[in-house]
C-alpha atoms as a PDB file:
ATOM      1  CA  UNK A   1      83.890  50.908 106.433  1.00  0.00           C
ATOM      2  CA  UNK A   2      80.659  52.654 107.072  1.00  0.00           C
ATOM      3  CA  UNK A   3      78.967  52.957 110.460  1.00  0.00           C
ATOM      4  CA  UNK A   4      75.907  54.489 112.088  1.00  0.00           C
ATOM      5  CA  UNK A   5      74.026  53.790 115.319  1.00  0.00           C
ATOM      6  CA  UNK A   6      71.708  50.943 114.471  1.00  0.00           C
ATOM      7  CA  UNK A   7      67.947  51.143 114.316  1.00  0.00           C
ATOM      8  CA  UNK A   8      67.283  47.432 113.661  1.00  0.00           C
ATOM      9  CA  UNK A   9      67.193  44.284 115.751  1.00  0.00           C
ATOM     10  CA  UNK A  10      70.685  42.920 116.094  1.00  0.00           C
ATOM     11  CA  UNK A  11      70.115  39.199 115.806  1.00  0.00           C
ATOM     12  CA  UNK A  12      67.399  38.624 113.209  1.00  0.00           C
ATOM     13  CA  UNK A  13      68.264  36.850 109.960  1.00  0.00           C
ATOM     14  CA  UNK A  14      68.614  38.737 106.723  1.00  0.00           C
ATOM     15  CA  UNK A  15      65.219  37.796 105.310  1.00  0.00           C
ATOM     16  CA  UNK A  16      63.600  39.984 108.005  1.00  0.00           C
ATOM     17  CA  UNK A  17      65.274  42.950 106.381  1.00  0.00           C
ATOM     18  CA  UNK A  18      64.560  41.917 102.816  1.00  0.00           C
ATOM     19  CA  UNK A  19      62.314  44.922 102.288  1.00  0.00           C
ATOM     20  CA  UNK A  20      65.224  47.235 103.012  1.00  0.00           C
ATOM     21  CA  UNK A  21      67.622  45.735 100.517  1.00  0.00           C
ATOM     22  CA  UNK A  22      68.606  48.200  97.853  1.00  0.00           C
ATOM     23  CA  UNK A  23      68.959  47.408  94.162  1.00  0.00           C
ATOM     24  CA  UNK A  24      72.244  49.117  93.398  1.00  0.00           C
ATOM     25  CA  UNK A  25      74.686  48.371  90.608  1.00  0.00           C
ATOM     26  CA  UNK A  26      78.331  47.850  91.614  1.00  0.00           C
ATOM     27  CA  UNK A  27      80.720  50.423  90.121  1.00  0.00           C
ATOM     28  CA  UNK A  28      83.706  49.547  87.958  1.00  0.00           C
ATOM     29  CA  UNK A  29      86.944  49.924  89.881  1.00  0.00           C
ATOM     30  CA  UNK A  30      90.513  50.507  88.703  1.00  0.00           C
ATOM     31  CA  UNK A  31      93.401  48.223  89.719  1.00  0.00           C
ATOM     32  CA  UNK A  32      96.545  49.482  91.454  1.00  0.00           C
ATOM     33  CA  UNK A  33      99.331  48.102  93.612  1.00  0.00           C
ATOM     34  CA  UNK A  34      99.497  48.710  97.344  1.00  0.00           C
ATOM     35  CA  UNK A  35     100.048  47.017 100.704  1.00  0.00           C
ATOM     36  CA  UNK A  36      97.599  44.801 102.527  1.00  0.00           C
ATOM     37  CA  UNK A  37      95.664  45.795 105.678  1.00  0.00           C
ATOM     38  CA  UNK A  38      98.162  43.793 107.725  1.00  0.00           C
ATOM     39  CA  UNK A  39     101.282  44.882 105.848  1.00  0.00           C
ATOM     40  CA  UNK A  40     101.579  41.573 103.949  1.00  0.00           C
ATOM     41  CA  UNK A  41     101.592  40.872 100.232  1.00  0.00           C
ATOM     42  CA  UNK A  42      98.108  41.336  98.835  1.00  0.00           C
ATOM     43  CA  UNK A  43      96.140  40.633  95.697  1.00  0.00           C
ATOM     44  CA  UNK A  44      94.620  43.713  94.090  1.00  0.00           C
ATOM     45  CA  UNK A  45      91.438  42.855  92.230  1.00  0.00           C
ATOM     46  CA  UNK A  46      88.650  44.724  90.487  1.00  0.00           C
ATOM     47  CA  UNK A  47      84.956  44.323  89.748  1.00  0.00           C
ATOM     48  CA  UNK A  48      85.626  42.246  86.627  1.00  0.00           C
ATOM     49  CA  UNK A  49      87.801  39.596  88.253  1.00  0.00           C
ATOM     50  CA  UNK A  50      86.422  39.524  91.793  1.00  0.00           C
ATOM     51  CA  UNK A  51      84.948  36.070  91.109  1.00  0.00           C
ATOM     52  CA  UNK A  52      88.147  34.776  89.499  1.00  0.00           C
ATOM     53  CA  UNK A  53      90.701  34.811  92.333  1.00  0.00           C
ATOM     54  CA  UNK A  54      93.518  32.279  91.862  1.00  0.00           C
ATOM     55  CA  UNK A  55      93.549  29.423  94.339  1.00  0.00           C
ATOM     56  CA  UNK A  56      95.670  26.340  94.951  1.00  0.00           C
ATOM     57  CA  UNK A  57      93.852  23.015  95.462  1.00  0.00           C
ATOM     58  CA  UNK A  58      94.989  20.561  98.133  1.00  0.00           C
ATOM     59  CA  UNK A  59      92.162  17.994  98.023  1.00  0.00           C
ATOM     60  CA  UNK A  60      91.661  17.278  94.329  1.00  0.00           C
ATOM     61  CA  UNK A  61      88.104  17.356  93.044  1.00  0.00           C
ATOM     62  CA  UNK A  62      86.297  16.510  96.285  1.00  0.00           C
ATOM     63  CA  UNK A  63      83.557  19.066  96.845  1.00  0.00           C
ATOM     64  CA  UNK A  64      82.088  19.875 100.261  1.00  0.00           C
ATOM     65  CA  UNK A  65      78.645  21.438  99.999  1.00  0.00           C
ATOM     66  CA  UNK A  66      78.247  24.854 101.592  1.00  0.00           C
ATOM     67  CA  UNK A  67      75.445  24.630 104.171  1.00  0.00           C
ATOM     68  CA  UNK A  68      75.548  27.811 106.237  1.00  0.00           C
ATOM     69  CA  UNK A  69      77.116  31.267 106.410  1.00  0.00           C
ATOM     70  CA  UNK A  70      77.089  33.650 109.385  1.00  0.00           C
ATOM     71  CA  UNK A  71      77.634  37.346 108.705  1.00  0.00           C
ATOM     72  CA  UNK A  72      78.133  39.988 111.393  1.00  0.00           C
ATOM     73  CA  UNK A  73      78.203  43.571 110.089  1.00  0.00           C
ATOM     74  CA  UNK A  74      78.508  47.043 111.560  1.00  0.00           C
ATOM     75  CA  UNK A  75      74.985  48.369 111.086  1.00  0.00           C
ATOM     76  CA  UNK A  76      72.109  47.081 108.955  1.00  0.00           C
ATOM     77  CA  UNK A  77      70.305  50.423 109.146  1.00  0.00           C
ATOM     78  CA  UNK A  78      73.098  51.767 106.921  1.00  0.00           C
ATOM     79  CA  UNK A  79      72.619  51.084 103.168  1.00  0.00           C
ATOM     80  CA  UNK A  80      76.321  50.238 102.788  1.00  0.00           C
ATOM     81  CA  UNK A  81      75.961  47.237 105.085  1.00  0.00           C
ATOM     82  CA  UNK A  82      72.631  46.236 103.581  1.00  0.00           C
ATOM     83  CA  UNK A  83      74.384  45.947 100.215  1.00  0.00           C
ATOM     84  CA  UNK A  84      77.193  43.938 101.860  1.00  0.00           C
ATOM     85  CA  UNK A  85      74.576  41.595 103.294  1.00  0.00           C
ATOM     86  CA  UNK A  86      72.946  41.261  99.905  1.00  0.00           C
ATOM     87  CA  UNK A  87      76.273  40.385  98.286  1.00  0.00           C
ATOM     88  CA  UNK A  88      76.969  37.631 100.839  1.00  0.00           C
ATOM     89  CA  UNK A  89      73.518  36.081 100.554  1.00  0.00           C
ATOM     90  CA  UNK A  90      73.450  36.130  96.756  1.00  0.00           C
ATOM     91  CA  UNK A  91      76.874  34.517  96.440  1.00  0.00           C
ATOM     92  CA  UNK A  92      76.109  31.859  99.067  1.00  0.00           C
ATOM     93  CA  UNK A  93      72.902  30.893  97.235  1.00  0.00           C
ATOM     94  CA  UNK A  94      74.798  30.846  93.947  1.00  0.00           C
ATOM     95  CA  UNK A  95      77.348  28.416  95.363  1.00  0.00           C
ATOM     96  CA  UNK A  96      75.162  26.199  97.524  1.00  0.00           C
ATOM     97  CA  UNK A  97      71.642  26.680  96.236  1.00  0.00           C
ATOM     98  CA  UNK A  98      68.552  27.874  98.042  1.00  0.00           C
ATOM     99  CA  UNK A  99      69.086  25.443 100.920  1.00  0.00           C
ATOM    100  CA  UNK A 100      72.088  27.428 102.188  1.00  0.00           C
ATOM    101  CA  UNK A 101      71.277  29.146 105.479  1.00  0.00           C
ATOM    102  CA  UNK A 102      72.578  32.748 105.556  1.00  0.00           C
ATOM    103  CA  UNK A 103      72.257  34.552 108.875  1.00  0.00           C
ATOM    104  CA  UNK A 104      73.112  38.255 108.886  1.00  0.00           C
ATOM    105  CA  UNK A 105      73.239  40.223 112.136  1.00  0.00           C
ATOM    106  CA  UNK A 106      74.228  43.752 113.107  1.00  0.00           C
ATOM    107  CA  UNK A 107      76.726  44.383 115.892  1.00  0.00           C
ATOM    108  CA  UNK A 108      75.932  48.080 116.174  1.00  0.00           C
ATOM    109  CA  UNK A 109      79.690  48.383 116.748  1.00  0.00           C
ATOM    110  CA  UNK A 110      79.138  46.854 120.191  1.00  0.00           C
ATOM    111  CA  UNK A 111      82.083  44.542 120.880  1.00  0.00           C
ATOM    112  CA  UNK A 112      80.246  42.421 123.462  1.00  0.00           C
ATOM    113  CA  UNK A 113      77.326  42.015 121.091  1.00  0.00           C
ATOM    114  CA  UNK A 114      79.647  40.835 118.329  1.00  0.00           C
ATOM    115  CA  UNK A 115      81.330  38.372 120.707  1.00  0.00           C
ATOM    116  CA  UNK A 116      77.913  36.836 121.386  1.00  0.00           C
ATOM    117  CA  UNK A 117      77.081  36.716 117.689  1.00  0.00           C
ATOM    118  CA  UNK A 118      80.292  34.849 116.838  1.00  0.00           C
ATOM    119  CA  UNK A 119      79.710  32.428 119.706  1.00  0.00           C
ATOM    120  CA  UNK A 120      76.199  31.790 118.380  1.00  0.00           C
ATOM    121  CA  UNK A 121      77.552  31.100 114.891  1.00  0.00           C
ATOM    122  CA  UNK A 122      80.016  28.583 116.338  1.00  0.00           C
ATOM    123  CA  UNK A 123      77.310  26.922 118.448  1.00  0.00           C
ATOM    124  CA  UNK A 124      75.106  26.625 115.365  1.00  0.00           C
ATOM    125  CA  UNK A 125      77.948  24.829 113.527  1.00  0.00           C
ATOM    126  CA  UNK A 126      78.094  27.515 110.836  1.00  0.00           C
ATOM    127  CA  UNK A 127      80.459  26.630 107.979  1.00  0.00           C
ATOM    128  CA  UNK A 128      82.006  30.091 107.698  1.00  0.00           C
ATOM    129  CA  UNK A 129      81.862  33.426 109.518  1.00  0.00           C
ATOM    130  CA  UNK A 130      82.077  36.705 107.587  1.00  0.00           C
ATOM    131  CA  UNK A 131      83.305  39.325 110.046  1.00  0.00           C
ATOM    132  CA  UNK A 132      83.105  43.103 109.829  1.00  0.00           C
ATOM    133  CA  UNK A 133      84.864  43.838 113.117  1.00  0.00           C
ATOM    134  CA  UNK A 134      83.369  46.175 115.701  1.00  0.00           C
ATOM    135  CA  UNK A 135      86.888  46.637 117.104  1.00  0.00           C
ATOM    136  CA  UNK A 136      89.909  45.433 115.137  1.00  0.00           C
ATOM    137  CA  UNK A 137      91.914  44.537 118.249  1.00  0.00           C
ATOM    138  CA  UNK A 138      89.187  43.770 120.754  1.00  0.00           C
ATOM    139  CA  UNK A 139      87.570  41.060 118.630  1.00  0.00           C
ATOM    140  CA  UNK A 140      90.701  38.908 118.633  1.00  0.00           C
ATOM    141  CA  UNK A 141      89.672  36.465 121.420  1.00  0.00           C
ATOM    142  CA  UNK A 142      86.373  35.717 119.668  1.00  0.00           C
ATOM    143  CA  UNK A 143      88.170  35.069 116.379  1.00  0.00           C
ATOM    144  CA  UNK A 144      90.659  32.770 118.070  1.00  0.00           C
ATOM    145  CA  UNK A 145      87.874  30.800 119.749  1.00  0.00           C
ATOM    146  CA  UNK A 146      86.001  30.406 116.461  1.00  0.00           C
ATOM    147  CA  UNK A 147      89.064  29.189 114.586  1.00  0.00           C
ATOM    148  CA  UNK A 148      89.977  26.853 117.448  1.00  0.00           C
ATOM    149  CA  UNK A 149      86.521  25.360 116.962  1.00  0.00           C
ATOM    150  CA  UNK A 150      87.436  24.740 113.317  1.00  0.00           C
ATOM    151  CA  UNK A 151      85.420  27.583 111.793  1.00  0.00           C
ATOM    152  CA  UNK A 152      86.503  29.543 108.729  1.00  0.00           C
ATOM    153  CA  UNK A 153      86.684  33.280 109.482  1.00  0.00           C
ATOM    154  CA  UNK A 154      86.920  35.850 106.687  1.00  0.00           C
ATOM    155  CA  UNK A 155      87.361  39.519 107.646  1.00  0.00           C
ATOM    156  CA  UNK A 156      85.638  42.034 105.372  1.00  0.00           C
ATOM    157  CA  UNK A 157      85.786  45.820 104.999  1.00  0.00           C
ATOM    158  CA  UNK A 158      88.327  46.155 107.801  1.00  0.00           C
ATOM    159  CA  UNK A 159      91.293  44.056 108.887  1.00  0.00           C
ATOM    160  CA  UNK A 160      91.511  42.512 112.358  1.00  0.00           C
ATOM    161  CA  UNK A 161      94.407  42.056 114.757  1.00  0.00           C
ATOM    162  CA  UNK A 162      94.025  38.288 114.712  1.00  0.00           C
ATOM    163  CA  UNK A 163      94.857  35.367 112.463  1.00  0.00           C
ATOM    164  CA  UNK A 164      91.946  34.894 110.072  1.00  0.00           C
ATOM    165  CA  UNK A 165      91.655  32.697 107.002  1.00  0.00           C
ATOM    166  CA  UNK A 166      91.500  35.694 104.659  1.00  0.00           C
ATOM    167  CA  UNK A 167      90.809  39.442 104.607  1.00  0.00           C
ATOM    168  CA  UNK A 168      88.854  41.211 101.863  1.00  0.00           C
ATOM    169  CA  UNK A 169      88.849  45.006 102.017  1.00  0.00           C
ATOM    170  CA  UNK A 170      88.872  48.161  99.999  1.00  0.00           C
ATOM    171  CA  UNK A 171      92.390  49.511  99.560  1.00  0.00           C
ATOM    172  CA  UNK A 172      91.706  51.941 102.393  1.00  0.00           C
ATOM    173  CA  UNK A 173      95.166  53.502 102.421  1.00  0.00           C
ATOM    174  CA  UNK A 174      94.658  54.354  98.764  1.00  0.00           C
ATOM    175  CA  UNK A 175      91.169  55.733  99.489  1.00  0.00           C
ATOM    176  CA  UNK A 176      92.660  58.173 102.002  1.00  0.00           C
ATOM    177  CA  UNK A 177      95.475  59.099  99.647  1.00  0.00           C
ATOM    178  CA  UNK A 178      93.339  59.906  96.601  1.00  0.00           C
ATOM    179  CA  UNK A 179      90.809  61.790  98.723  1.00  0.00           C
ATOM    180  CA  UNK A 180      93.385  64.050 100.326  1.00  0.00           C
ATOM    181  CA  UNK A 181      95.397  64.479  97.137  1.00  0.00           C
ATOM    182  CA  UNK A 182      92.215  65.957  95.691  1.00  0.00           C
ATOM    183  CA  UNK A 183      92.011  68.282  98.705  1.00  0.00           C
ATOM    184  CA  UNK A 184      95.647  69.360  98.355  1.00  0.00           C
ATOM    185  CA  UNK A 185      95.299  69.950  94.622  1.00  0.00           C
ATOM    186  CA  UNK A 186      92.097  71.935  94.946  1.00  0.00           C
ATOM    187  CA  UNK A 187      93.587  74.080  97.726  1.00  0.00           C
ATOM    188  CA  UNK A 188      96.764  74.511  95.661  1.00  0.00           C
ATOM    189  CA  UNK A 189      98.795  73.334  98.631  1.00  0.00           C
ATOM    190  CA  UNK A 190      97.596  75.925 101.138  1.00  0.00           C
ATOM    191  CA  UNK A 191      94.726  76.061 103.637  1.00  0.00           C
ATOM    192  CA  UNK A 192      93.060  74.788 106.813  1.00  0.00           C
ATOM    193  CA  UNK A 193      91.850  71.160 106.808  1.00  0.00           C
ATOM    194  CA  UNK A 194      89.699  69.199 109.259  1.00  0.00           C
ATOM    195  CA  UNK A 195      89.675  65.397 109.400  1.00  0.00           C
ATOM    196  CA  UNK A 196      86.428  63.978 110.799  1.00  0.00           C
ATOM    197  CA  UNK A 197      87.607  60.661 112.239  1.00  0.00           C
ATOM    198  CA  UNK A 198      85.719  57.489 113.158  1.00  0.00           C
ATOM    199  CA  UNK A 199      85.787  54.223 115.122  1.00  0.00           C
ATOM    200  CA  UNK A 200      89.209  52.687 115.923  1.00  0.00           C
ATOM    201  CA  UNK A 201      89.076  49.972 113.273  1.00  0.00           C
ATOM    202  CA  UNK A 202      91.770  49.204 110.709  1.00  0.00           C
ATOM    203  CA  UNK A 203      89.909  50.596 107.697  1.00  0.00           C
ATOM    204  CA  UNK A 204      89.397  53.998 109.333  1.00  0.00           C
ATOM    205  CA  UNK A 205      92.956  54.133 110.640  1.00  0.00           C
ATOM    206  CA  UNK A 206      94.307  53.339 107.167  1.00  0.00           C
ATOM    207  CA  UNK A 207      92.178  56.032 105.490  1.00  0.00           C
ATOM    208  CA  UNK A 208      93.396  58.651 107.936  1.00  0.00           C
ATOM    209  CA  UNK A 209      96.998  57.439 107.566  1.00  0.00           C
ATOM    210  CA  UNK A 210      96.714  57.739 103.788  1.00  0.00           C
ATOM    211  CA  UNK A 211      95.316  61.252 104.101  1.00  0.00           C
ATOM    212  CA  UNK A 212      98.008  62.372 106.537  1.00  0.00           C
ATOM    213  CA  UNK A 213     100.720  60.867 104.331  1.00  0.00           C
ATOM    214  CA  UNK A 214      99.613  63.050 101.426  1.00  0.00           C
ATOM    215  CA  UNK A 215      98.995  66.245 103.383  1.00  0.00           C
ATOM    216  CA  UNK A 216     102.410  65.982 105.062  1.00  0.00           C
ATOM    217  CA  UNK A 217     103.913  66.897 101.692  1.00  0.00           C
ATOM    218  CA  UNK A 218     102.325  70.363 101.882  1.00  0.00           C
ATOM    219  CA  UNK A 219     103.787  72.534 104.659  1.00  0.00           C
ATOM    220  CA  UNK A 220     101.236  75.281 104.031  1.00  0.00           C
ATOM    221  CA  UNK A 221      98.295  72.985 104.743  1.00  0.00           C
ATOM    222  CA  UNK A 222      97.365  73.115 108.422  1.00  0.00           C
ATOM    223  CA  UNK A 223      95.381  70.265 109.988  1.00  0.00           C
ATOM    224  CA  UNK A 224      93.094  71.890 112.544  1.00  0.00           C
ATOM    225  CA  UNK A 225      91.620  68.657 113.939  1.00  0.00           C
ATOM    226  CA  UNK A 226      92.128  64.938 113.219  1.00  0.00           C
ATOM    227  CA  UNK A 227      91.047  62.971 116.317  1.00  0.00           C
ATOM    228  CA  UNK A 228      87.323  63.673 116.721  1.00  0.00           C
ATOM    229  CA  UNK A 229      85.355  60.402 116.440  1.00  0.00           C
ATOM    230  CA  UNK A 230      82.077  60.992 114.613  1.00  0.00           C
ATOM    231  CA  UNK A 231      81.288  57.252 114.843  1.00  0.00           C
ATOM    232  CA  UNK A 232      80.922  57.079 111.079  1.00  0.00           C
ATOM    233  CA  UNK A 233      77.329  58.284 111.272  1.00  0.00           C
ATOM    234  CA  UNK A 234      75.298  61.220 110.012  1.00  0.00           C
ATOM    235  CA  UNK A 235      74.403  62.227 113.575  1.00  0.00           C
ATOM    236  CA  UNK A 236      78.037  61.926 114.631  1.00  0.00           C
ATOM    237  CA  UNK A 237      79.216  64.034 111.708  1.00  0.00           C
ATOM    238  CA  UNK A 238      76.636  66.685 112.550  1.00  0.00           C
ATOM    239  CA  UNK A 239      77.652  66.697 116.215  1.00  0.00           C
ATOM    240  CA  UNK A 240      81.416  66.779 115.682  1.00  0.00           C
ATOM    241  CA  UNK A 241      81.329  69.333 112.880  1.00  0.00           C
ATOM    242  CA  UNK A 242      78.975  71.629 114.783  1.00  0.00           C
ATOM    243  CA  UNK A 243      81.573  71.828 117.567  1.00  0.00           C
ATOM    244  CA  UNK A 244      84.443  72.309 115.113  1.00  0.00           C
ATOM    245  CA  UNK A 245      82.625  75.145 113.360  1.00  0.00           C
ATOM    246  CA  UNK A 246      82.361  76.961 116.698  1.00  0.00           C
ATOM    247  CA  UNK A 247      86.043  76.361 117.430  1.00  0.00           C
ATOM    248  CA  UNK A 248      87.487  77.283 114.029  1.00  0.00           C
ATOM    249  CA  UNK A 249      86.300  80.408 112.192  1.00  0.00           C
ATOM    250  CA  UNK A 250      88.070  79.496 108.937  1.00  0.00           C
ATOM    251  CA  UNK A 251      88.050  76.004 107.419  1.00  0.00           C
ATOM    252  CA  UNK A 252      88.947  75.313 103.784  1.00  0.00           C
ATOM    253  CA  UNK A 253      88.314  71.575 103.431  1.00  0.00           C
ATOM    254  CA  UNK A 254      87.003  68.558 105.362  1.00  0.00           C
ATOM    255  CA  UNK A 255      87.996  64.915 104.935  1.00  0.00           C
ATOM    256  CA  UNK A 256      85.321  62.619 106.381  1.00  0.00           C
ATOM    257  CA  UNK A 257      86.245  58.955 106.861  1.00  0.00           C
ATOM    258  CA  UNK A 258      82.944  57.866 105.315  1.00  0.00           C
ATOM    259  CA  UNK A 259      79.984  59.365 103.504  1.00  0.00           C
ATOM    260  CA  UNK A 260      77.397  59.251 106.331  1.00  0.00           C
ATOM    261  CA  UNK A 261      79.655  61.363 108.545  1.00  0.00           C
ATOM    262  CA  UNK A 262      80.397  63.583 105.538  1.00  0.00           C
ATOM    263  CA  UNK A 263      76.675  64.159 105.014  1.00  0.00           C
ATOM    264  CA  UNK A 264      76.465  65.080 108.704  1.00  0.00           C
ATOM    265  CA  UNK A 265      79.257  67.605 108.144  1.00  0.00           C
ATOM    266  CA  UNK A 266      77.231  69.093 105.286  1.00  0.00           C
ATOM    267  CA  UNK A 267      74.162  69.384 107.545  1.00  0.00           C
ATOM    268  CA  UNK A 268      76.232  71.142 110.231  1.00  0.00           C
ATOM    269  CA  UNK A 269      77.520  73.623 107.670  1.00  0.00           C
ATOM    270  CA  UNK A 270      73.987  74.380 106.476  1.00  0.00           C
ATOM    271  CA  UNK A 271      72.774  74.929 110.026  1.00  0.00           C
ATOM    272  CA  UNK A 272      75.704  77.234 110.793  1.00  0.00           C
ATOM    273  CA  UNK A 273      75.374  78.991 107.427  1.00  0.00           C
ATOM    274  CA  UNK A 274      79.034  78.247 106.651  1.00  0.00           C
ATOM    275  CA  UNK A 275      79.916  77.860 102.980  1.00  0.00           C
ATOM    276  CA  UNK A 276      83.661  78.495 102.821  1.00  0.00           C
ATOM    277  CA  UNK A 277      84.830  74.854 102.670  1.00  0.00           C
ATOM    278  CA  UNK A 278      84.271  71.672 100.658  1.00  0.00           C
ATOM    279  CA  UNK A 279      83.844  68.046 101.790  1.00  0.00           C
ATOM    280  CA  UNK A 280      85.474  64.823 100.606  1.00  0.00           C
ATOM    281  CA  UNK A 281      84.275  61.437 101.911  1.00  0.00           C
ATOM    282  CA  UNK A 282      84.729  57.715 101.331  1.00  0.00           C
ATOM    283  CA  UNK A 283      82.193  55.043 100.236  1.00  0.00           C
ATOM    284  CA  UNK A 284      80.504  56.208  97.056  1.00  0.00           C
ATOM    285  CA  UNK A 285      77.173  56.179  98.904  1.00  0.00           C
ATOM    286  CA  UNK A 286      74.092  57.132  96.836  1.00  0.00           C
ATOM    287  CA  UNK A 287      73.401  60.203  98.972  1.00  0.00           C
ATOM    288  CA  UNK A 288      76.986  61.391  98.506  1.00  0.00           C
ATOM    289  CA  UNK A 289      76.792  60.862  94.739  1.00  0.00           C
ATOM    290  CA  UNK A 290      73.563  62.907  94.666  1.00  0.00           C
ATOM    291  CA  UNK A 291      75.168  65.665  96.743  1.00  0.00           C
ATOM    292  CA  UNK A 292      78.228  65.804  94.490  1.00  0.00           C
ATOM    293  CA  UNK A 293      75.980  66.134  91.454  1.00  0.00           C
ATOM    294  CA  UNK A 294      73.979  68.980  93.033  1.00  0.00           C
ATOM    295  CA  UNK A 295      74.993  72.550  92.269  1.00  0.00           C
ATOM    296  CA  UNK A 296      74.506  73.935  95.788  1.00  0.00           C
ATOM    297  CA  UNK A 297      76.206  71.192  97.857  1.00  0.00           C
ATOM    298  CA  UNK A 298      79.520  71.450  99.687  1.00  0.00           C
ATOM    299  CA  UNK A 299      80.184  67.783  98.863  1.00  0.00           C
ATOM    300  CA  UNK A 300      82.976  67.692  96.294  1.00  0.00           C
ATOM    301  CA  UNK A 301      84.225  64.091  96.063  1.00  0.00           C
ATOM    302  CA  UNK A 302      84.050  60.552  97.454  1.00  0.00           C
ATOM    303  CA  UNK A 303      86.382  57.566  97.123  1.00  0.00           C
ATOM    304  CA  UNK A 304      84.151  54.674  96.081  1.00  0.00           C
ATOM    305  CA  UNK A 305      83.994  51.183  97.570  1.00  0.00           C
ATOM    306  CA  UNK A 306      82.388  47.953  96.332  1.00  0.00           C
ATOM    307  CA  UNK A 307      80.438  46.580  99.325  1.00  0.00           C
ATOM    308  CA  UNK A 308      78.645  43.915  97.300  1.00  0.00           C
ATOM    309  CA  UNK A 309      81.906  42.712  95.765  1.00  0.00           C
ATOM    310  CA  UNK A 310      83.673  42.500  99.125  1.00  0.00           C
ATOM    311  CA  UNK A 311      81.235  40.061 100.698  1.00  0.00           C
ATOM    312  CA  UNK A 312      80.710  38.094  97.488  1.00  0.00           C
ATOM    313  CA  UNK A 313      84.468  37.592  97.281  1.00  0.00           C
ATOM    314  CA  UNK A 314      84.617  36.654 100.974  1.00  0.00           C
ATOM    315  CA  UNK A 315      82.024  33.901 100.482  1.00  0.00           C
ATOM    316  CA  UNK A 316      83.848  32.611  97.381  1.00  0.00           C
ATOM    317  CA  UNK A 317      87.173  32.479  99.217  1.00  0.00           C
ATOM    318  CA  UNK A 318      85.557  30.874 102.271  1.00  0.00           C
ATOM    319  CA  UNK A 319      83.983  28.170 100.129  1.00  0.00           C
ATOM    320  CA  UNK A 320      87.339  27.481  98.453  1.00  0.00           C
ATOM    321  CA  UNK A 321      88.971  27.125 101.878  1.00  0.00           C
ATOM    322  CA  UNK A 322      86.138  24.813 102.975  1.00  0.00           C
ATOM    323  CA  UNK A 323      87.133  22.622 100.038  1.00  0.00           C
ATOM    324  CA  UNK A 324      90.849  22.701 100.806  1.00  0.00           C
ATOM    325  CA  UNK A 325      91.854  25.489  98.436  1.00  0.00           C
ATOM    326  CA  UNK A 326      93.867  28.308  99.943  1.00  0.00           C
ATOM    327  CA  UNK A 327      93.919  31.742  98.252  1.00  0.00           C
ATOM    328  CA  UNK A 328      97.124  32.823  96.560  1.00  0.00           C
ATOM    329  CA  UNK A 329      97.266  35.624  99.134  1.00  0.00           C
ATOM    330  CA  UNK A 330      95.138  35.834 102.302  1.00  0.00           C
ATOM    331  CA  UNK A 331      94.823  39.603 101.811  1.00  0.00           C
ATOM    332  CA  UNK A 332      92.647  40.760  98.933  1.00  0.00           C
ATOM    333  CA  UNK A 333      92.399  44.478  98.172  1.00  0.00           C
ATOM    334  CA  UNK A 334      89.671  46.066  96.064  1.00  0.00           C
ATOM    335  CA  UNK A 335      90.874  49.410  94.616  1.00  0.00           C
ATOM    336  CA  UNK A 336      89.092  52.714  95.231  1.00  0.00           C
ATOM    337  CA  UNK A 337      88.193  55.298  92.605  1.00  0.00           C
ATOM    338  CA  UNK A 338      87.570  58.993  93.221  1.00  0.00           C
ATOM    339  CA  UNK A 339      84.208  60.395  92.134  1.00  0.00           C
ATOM    340  CA  UNK A 340      84.137  64.191  91.662  1.00  0.00           C
ATOM    341  CA  UNK A 341      81.824  66.721  90.053  1.00  0.00           C
ATOM    342  CA  UNK A 342      83.796  66.204  86.845  1.00  0.00           C
ATOM    343  CA  UNK A 343      83.009  62.479  86.513  1.00  0.00           C
ATOM    344  CA  UNK A 344      79.921  61.982  88.707  1.00  0.00           C
ATOM    345  CA  UNK A 345      77.633  61.772  85.672  1.00  0.00           C
ATOM    346  CA  UNK A 346      79.381  58.557  84.613  1.00  0.00           C
ATOM    347  CA  UNK A 347      79.316  56.907  88.043  1.00  0.00           C
ATOM    348  CA  UNK A 348      76.998  53.930  88.462  1.00  0.00           C
ATOM    349  CA  UNK A 349      77.428  53.770  92.245  1.00  0.00           C
ATOM    350  CA  UNK A 350      76.806  50.520  94.122  1.00  0.00           C
END
């Protein structure tokens, strides 16, 4: 999950933002076993078989044509979400042709705004709703109303505390684990660590849980801070880390819940002329990849995601459900892979 205070209109369709869409190639991911966002059995998939998820048909060969898809995302001023939007639109057009109406809006992580967006999708008789929740618990009433109205709801990037038709996310627990295992290994099990936290959504909570699970194995690693919400943005990372640098004179490593906040941490360090620590983020964002490759950056690693693959898979699964085919598991996990200075030259990014 990747968030930043939005700079775009919240309710315009995707084609308005076409000029901002990035041409980024999805990275190859490695499969592993883990638990689902909701603790249920989950399918782990990778970039090669994202479009080949097993389903069970209940209506024979009858095919209902996909007419419309509504997508509500965290922030379309953030490249991560732009790529998610691109993945949803491309897959919808692939399935239903150019006549499919794809409406992508940005919630700006405003719960009331996202409520209104979901209500508008329902009122417009949208076939399926792709939901990147502004608040995993708070969005529940809107989800329940949409499903009561007969709409298919697929959660992406972060799980929700509501019954949805399916959930497609990065294996966020794993992302936190591999990020903080890198920190522990590099520190040789001893040092001061800061966790730059984010919005209270399932994906962020799982990343932090994964990190804490790993660091708990090392009694000589001290966690100086873990509750400061940088809102997943560059500005938030700069703000939070600037305060933490004043509070703590010695920091050895920082785990940022996403790359925008990690880049903000890097900016704060430059402003404060602090060079004693390194930064690990999550997303595999282009700016993080560039920073990792640079010789003078504090950025050391990032756990990659596949934003394009998540929404493409969500549209595929939603279309199958529209045609009476339920997924083998309602929880689909896309594995994360750690990019470091050692392998950054082979990373293709998004």
